[in-house]
Amino acid sequence: MLKRAELKDLKEIELLCKNSVVGIKIICQLTAYGFDRDFLEAWLLVSEYNPVAVIVRFYDDASVVASQNADLEQLQIFLGMYYYKSIMCPQWLCDKLGFDSYTIKNSYRY
């Protein structure tokens, strides 16, 4: 289930993101700007009450971090619902979601 992330979710987001370059970017954006901005939105993909993925839209760019047990089909459908100039995610996640230079103009892999 996807839900809007809130300030109370920050500790769980930090645990999910702390071992990834993209995750550190997400943590920095959320702590610098907060959760209630026109240019920044954050969502959590939750599985059995535990967050398994976080998606942050910062203007027209997205950053995504997910654990290995995230529902990638749901994540891919959600990402396809919005227009992004670029999507930044870890290399393994880009590969699993099928992102390449043909599907998304700027998919950054870390």
C-alpha atoms as a PDB file:
ATOM      1  CA  MET A   1       0.000   0.000   0.000  1.00  0.00           C
ATOM      2  CA  LEU A   2       1.280   3.460  -0.867  1.00  0.00           C
ATOM      3  CA  LYS A   3       0.743   6.327   1.539  1.00  0.00           C
ATOM      4  CA  ARG A   4       1.914   9.905   1.834  1.00  0.00           C
ATOM      5  CA  ALA A   5       4.927  10.163   4.089  1.00  0.00           C
ATOM      6  CA  GLU A   6       4.736  12.439   7.101  1.00  0.00           C
ATOM      7  CA  LEU A   7       7.187  13.813   9.633  1.00  0.00           C
ATOM      8  CA  LYS A   8       6.375  10.946  12.007  1.00  0.00           C
ATOM      9  CA  ASP A   9       7.730   8.524   9.353  1.00  0.00           C
ATOM     10  CA  LEU A  10      11.184  10.147   9.201  1.00  0.00           C
ATOM     11  CA  LYS A  11      12.918   7.614  11.503  1.00  0.00           C
ATOM     12  CA  GLU A  12      11.657   4.686   9.396  1.00  0.00           C
ATOM     13  CA  ILE A  13      12.677   6.482   6.208  1.00  0.00           C
ATOM     14  CA  GLU A  14      16.158   7.039   7.626  1.00  0.00           C
ATOM     15  CA  LEU A  15      16.495   3.325   8.425  1.00  0.00           C
ATOM     16  CA  LEU A  16      15.430   2.387   4.911  1.00  0.00           C
ATOM     17  CA  CYS A  17      17.665   4.970   3.215  1.00  0.00           C
ATOM     18  CA  LYS A  18      20.832   5.159   5.292  1.00  0.00           C
ATOM     19  CA  ASN A  19      22.925   2.703   3.213  1.00  0.00           C
ATOM     20  CA  SER A  20      22.332   4.281  -0.188  1.00  0.00           C
ATOM     21  CA  VAL A  21      23.636   7.378  -1.943  1.00  0.00           C
ATOM     22  CA  VAL A  22      20.129   8.002  -3.242  1.00  0.00           C
ATOM     23  CA  GLY A  23      18.763   7.407   0.252  1.00  0.00           C
ATOM     24  CA  ILE A  24      21.063  10.035   1.748  1.00  0.00           C
ATOM     25  CA  LYS A  25      19.785  12.490  -0.869  1.00  0.00           C
ATOM     26  CA  ILE A  26      16.202  11.666   0.159  1.00  0.00           C
ATOM     27  CA  ILE A  27      16.977  12.135   3.859  1.00  0.00           C
ATOM     28  CA  CYS A  28      18.678  15.483   3.162  1.00  0.00           C
ATOM     29  CA  GLN A  29      15.748  16.766   1.102  1.00  0.00           C
ATOM     30  CA  LEU A  30      13.179  15.757   3.704  1.00  0.00           C
ATOM     31  CA  THR A  31      15.101  17.172   6.660  1.00  0.00           C
ATOM     32  CA  ALA A  32      15.933  20.409   4.821  1.00  0.00           C
ATOM     33  CA  TYR A  33      12.506  21.151   3.338  1.00  0.00           C
ATOM     34  CA  GLY A  34      10.057  19.074   5.356  1.00  0.00           C
ATOM     35  CA  PHE A  35       7.081  17.121   4.095  1.00  0.00           C
ATOM     36  CA  ASP A  36       4.588  19.875   3.293  1.00  0.00           C
ATOM     37  CA  ARG A  37       5.875  21.741   0.235  1.00  0.00           C
ATOM     38  CA  ASP A  38       4.496  22.324  -3.249  1.00  0.00           C
ATOM     39  CA  PHE A  39       7.780  21.257  -4.832  1.00  0.00           C
ATOM     40  CA  LEU A  40       8.391  18.173  -2.682  1.00  0.00           C
ATOM     41  CA  GLU A  41       6.189  15.132  -2.076  1.00  0.00           C
ATOM     42  CA  ALA A  42       7.117  11.872  -0.388  1.00  0.00           C
ATOM     43  CA  TRP A  43       5.384   8.497  -0.417  1.00  0.00           C
ATOM     44  CA  LEU A  44       6.011   5.241   1.415  1.00  0.00           C
ATOM     45  CA  LEU A  45       5.302   1.789   0.047  1.00  0.00           C
ATOM     46  CA  VAL A  46       4.264  -0.196   3.109  1.00  0.00           C
ATOM     47  CA  SER A  47       4.152  -3.973   3.424  1.00  0.00           C
ATOM     48  CA  GLU A  48       2.660  -5.432   6.600  1.00  0.00           C
ATOM     49  CA  TYR A  49       3.104  -2.147   8.513  1.00  0.00           C
ATOM     50  CA  ASN A  50       6.777  -1.786   7.539  1.00  0.00           C
ATOM     51  CA  PRO A  51       7.999   0.667   4.906  1.00  0.00           C
ATOM     52  CA  VAL A  52       9.746  -1.157   2.055  1.00  0.00           C
ATOM     53  CA  ALA A  53      10.215   1.753  -0.372  1.00  0.00           C
ATOM     54  CA  VAL A  54      10.283   5.531  -0.365  1.00  0.00           C
ATOM     55  CA  ILE A  55       9.667   7.813  -3.331  1.00  0.00           C
ATOM     56  CA  VAL A  56      10.399  11.527  -3.235  1.00  0.00           C
ATOM     57  CA  ARG A  57       9.353  13.983  -5.936  1.00  0.00           C
ATOM     58  CA  PHE A  58      11.478  17.128  -5.882  1.00  0.00           C
ATOM     59  CA  TYR A  59      10.137  19.458  -8.561  1.00  0.00           C
ATOM     60  CA  ASP A  60      10.107  17.206 -11.676  1.00  0.00           C
ATOM     61  CA  ASP A  61      12.695  14.694 -10.470  1.00  0.00           C
ATOM     62  CA  ALA A  62      12.151  11.525  -8.460  1.00  0.00           C
ATOM     63  CA  SER A  63      14.409   9.624  -6.082  1.00  0.00           C
ATOM     64  CA  VAL A  64      13.522   6.064  -5.139  1.00  0.00           C
ATOM     65  CA  VAL A  65      14.929   3.645  -2.584  1.00  0.00           C
ATOM     66  CA  ALA A  66      13.451   0.203  -1.934  1.00  0.00           C
ATOM     67  CA  SER A  67      14.260  -2.921  -0.005  1.00  0.00           C
ATOM     68  CA  GLN A  68      14.589  -6.287  -1.749  1.00  0.00           C
ATOM     69  CA  ASN A  69      11.093  -7.348  -0.627  1.00  0.00           C
ATOM     70  CA  ALA A  70       9.260  -4.308  -2.047  1.00  0.00           C
ATOM     71  CA  ASP A  71       6.380  -4.868  -4.447  1.00  0.00           C
ATOM     72  CA  LEU A  72       8.182  -3.701  -7.580  1.00  0.00           C
ATOM     73  CA  GLU A  73       5.102  -3.988  -9.784  1.00  0.00           C
ATOM     74  CA  GLN A  74       3.198  -1.548  -7.578  1.00  0.00           C
ATOM     75  CA  LEU A  75       6.227   0.735  -7.479  1.00  0.00           C
ATOM     76  CA  GLN A  76       6.548   0.704 -11.264  1.00  0.00           C
ATOM     77  CA  ILE A  77       2.840   1.473 -11.759  1.00  0.00           C
ATOM     78  CA  PHE A  78       3.042   4.382  -9.315  1.00  0.00           C
ATOM     79  CA  LEU A  79       6.140   5.835 -10.981  1.00  0.00           C
ATOM     80  CA  GLY A  80       4.392   5.595 -14.351  1.00  0.00           C
ATOM     81  CA  MET A  81       1.505   7.757 -13.144  1.00  0.00           C
ATOM     82  CA  TYR A  82       3.594  10.945 -13.018  1.00  0.00           C
ATOM     83  CA  TYR A  83       5.925  12.749 -15.392  1.00  0.00           C
ATOM     84  CA  TYR A  84       9.528  12.956 -14.195  1.00  0.00           C
ATOM     85  CA  LYS A  85      12.479  14.565 -15.938  1.00  0.00           C
ATOM     86  CA  SER A  86      14.678  12.034 -14.189  1.00  0.00           C
ATOM     87  CA  ILE A  87      14.438   9.138 -11.779  1.00  0.00           C
ATOM     88  CA  MET A  88      17.351   8.405  -9.474  1.00  0.00           C
ATOM     89  CA  CYS A  89      17.569   4.975  -7.874  1.00  0.00           C
ATOM     90  CA  PRO A  90      20.120   2.310  -6.923  1.00  0.00           C
ATOM     91  CA  GLN A  91      21.509   0.246  -9.812  1.00  0.00           C
ATOM     92  CA  TRP A  92      19.768  -2.990  -8.800  1.00  0.00           C
ATOM     93  CA  LEU A  93      16.406  -1.196  -8.585  1.00  0.00           C
ATOM     94  CA  CYS A  94      16.794   0.426 -12.026  1.00  0.00           C
ATOM     95  CA  ASP A  95      17.570  -3.014 -13.446  1.00  0.00           C
ATOM     96  CA  LYS A  96      14.585  -4.689 -11.721  1.00  0.00           C
ATOM     97  CA  LEU A  97      12.190  -1.945 -12.815  1.00  0.00           C
ATOM     98  CA  GLY A  98      13.500  -2.133 -16.377  1.00  0.00           C
ATOM     99  CA  PHE A  99      14.701   1.469 -16.486  1.00  0.00           C
ATOM    100  CA  ASP A 100      17.200   2.163 -19.201  1.00  0.00           C
ATOM    101  CA  SER A 101      17.975   4.986 -21.598  1.00  0.00           C
ATOM    102  CA  TYR A 102      15.026   3.962 -23.776  1.00  0.00           C
ATOM    103  CA  THR A 103      12.319   3.909 -21.107  1.00  0.00           C
ATOM    104  CA  ILE A 104      13.345   6.976 -19.110  1.00  0.00           C
ATOM    105  CA  LYS A 105      15.491   9.680 -20.608  1.00  0.00           C
ATOM    106  CA  ASN A 106      17.527  10.238 -17.446  1.00  0.00           C
ATOM    107  CA  SER A 107      17.619   7.293 -15.078  1.00  0.00           C
ATOM    108  CA  TYR A 108      20.587   7.591 -12.778  1.00  0.00           C
ATOM    109  CA  ARG A 109      22.003   4.418 -11.303  1.00  0.00           C
ATOM    110  CA  TYR A 110      24.053   4.378  -8.108  1.00  0.00           C
END
